[in-house]
Amino acid sequence: MPNITVDGPRIEDLAKKRELVKTVTDAAVKAYGLPRQAMVILIKENHPENVGIGGELLIDRAKGKEP
């Protein structure tokens, strides 16, 4: 049973999450040749204060771009 994790920013719209899970599932079914029921999709939402790039939190990088 394939387990697929999608890491990214928070998705507020539940309809968009449903579409993401459907799209990833469709691609996995095509790639693995297994039934849809075998696919496990996990969405891990990461808030900007929990992600760092280049030694800087994303929340701080966003603040630096504000006027």
Protein backbone atom coordinates (compact mmCIF):
# COMPACT_ATOMS: atom_id res chain seq x y z
CA MET A 1 0.00 0.00 0.00
CA PRO A 2 1.74 3.21 -1.14
CA ASN A 3 1.85 6.07 1.37
CA ILE A 4 2.29 9.48 -0.23
CA THR A 5 2.95 12.59 1.83
CA VAL A 6 2.40 16.09 0.49
CA ASP A 7 4.26 18.74 2.53
CA GLY A 8 3.40 22.37 1.95
CA PRO A 9 1.68 25.48 3.19
CA ARG A 10 -1.81 25.33 4.65
CA ILE A 11 -4.69 24.90 2.21
CA GLU A 12 -7.73 26.70 3.60
CA ASP A 13 -10.23 25.55 0.97
CA LEU A 14 -11.49 22.02 1.65
CA ALA A 15 -12.52 21.64 -2.00
CA LYS A 16 -8.91 22.28 -3.05
CA LYS A 17 -7.70 19.61 -0.59
CA ARG A 18 -10.18 17.15 -2.04
CA GLU A 19 -8.93 17.94 -5.55
CA LEU A 20 -5.30 17.54 -4.45
CA VAL A 21 -5.99 14.12 -2.93
CA LYS A 22 -7.93 13.03 -6.03
CA THR A 23 -5.20 14.21 -8.42
CA VAL A 24 -2.37 12.60 -6.45
CA THR A 25 -4.38 9.38 -6.12
CA ASP A 26 -5.06 9.30 -9.87
CA ALA A 27 -1.34 9.73 -10.61
CA ALA A 28 -0.37 7.02 -8.11
CA VAL A 29 -2.91 4.57 -9.53
CA LYS A 30 -1.44 5.16 -12.99
CA ALA A 31 2.17 4.81 -11.79
CA TYR A 32 1.72 1.79 -9.50
CA GLY A 33 -1.06 0.00 -11.33
CA LEU A 34 -2.80 -0.63 -8.01
CA PRO A 35 -6.42 0.08 -7.06
CA ARG A 36 -7.42 3.47 -5.64
CA GLN A 37 -8.25 1.83 -2.32
CA ALA A 38 -4.56 0.97 -1.86
CA MET A 39 -3.43 4.62 -1.91
CA VAL A 40 -2.87 6.57 1.30
CA ILE A 41 -2.38 10.32 0.86
CA LEU A 42 -1.26 12.44 3.84
CA ILE A 43 -1.32 16.23 3.72
CA LYS A 44 1.14 17.83 6.11
CA GLU A 45 0.54 21.54 6.42
CA ASN A 46 3.48 23.64 7.48
CA HIS A 47 2.96 27.12 8.88
CA PRO A 48 5.54 29.75 7.85
CA GLU A 49 6.81 30.00 11.43
CA ASN A 50 7.74 26.29 11.29
CA VAL A 51 9.76 26.34 8.05
CA GLY A 52 13.25 27.70 7.61
CA ILE A 53 15.17 28.26 4.38
CA GLY A 54 18.76 29.42 4.34
CA GLY A 55 18.80 29.93 8.10
CA GLU A 56 15.70 32.14 8.09
CA LEU A 57 12.10 31.38 8.99
CA LEU A 58 9.68 31.87 6.12
CA ILE A 59 7.56 34.16 8.29
CA ASP A 60 10.56 36.46 8.72
CA ARG A 61 11.41 36.39 5.02
CA ALA A 62 7.84 37.44 4.20
CA LYS A 63 8.05 40.32 6.69
CA GLY A 64 11.25 41.57 5.06
CA LYS A 65 9.40 42.04 1.77
CA GLU A 66 6.65 44.20 3.25
CA PRO A 67 6.81 47.93 2.42
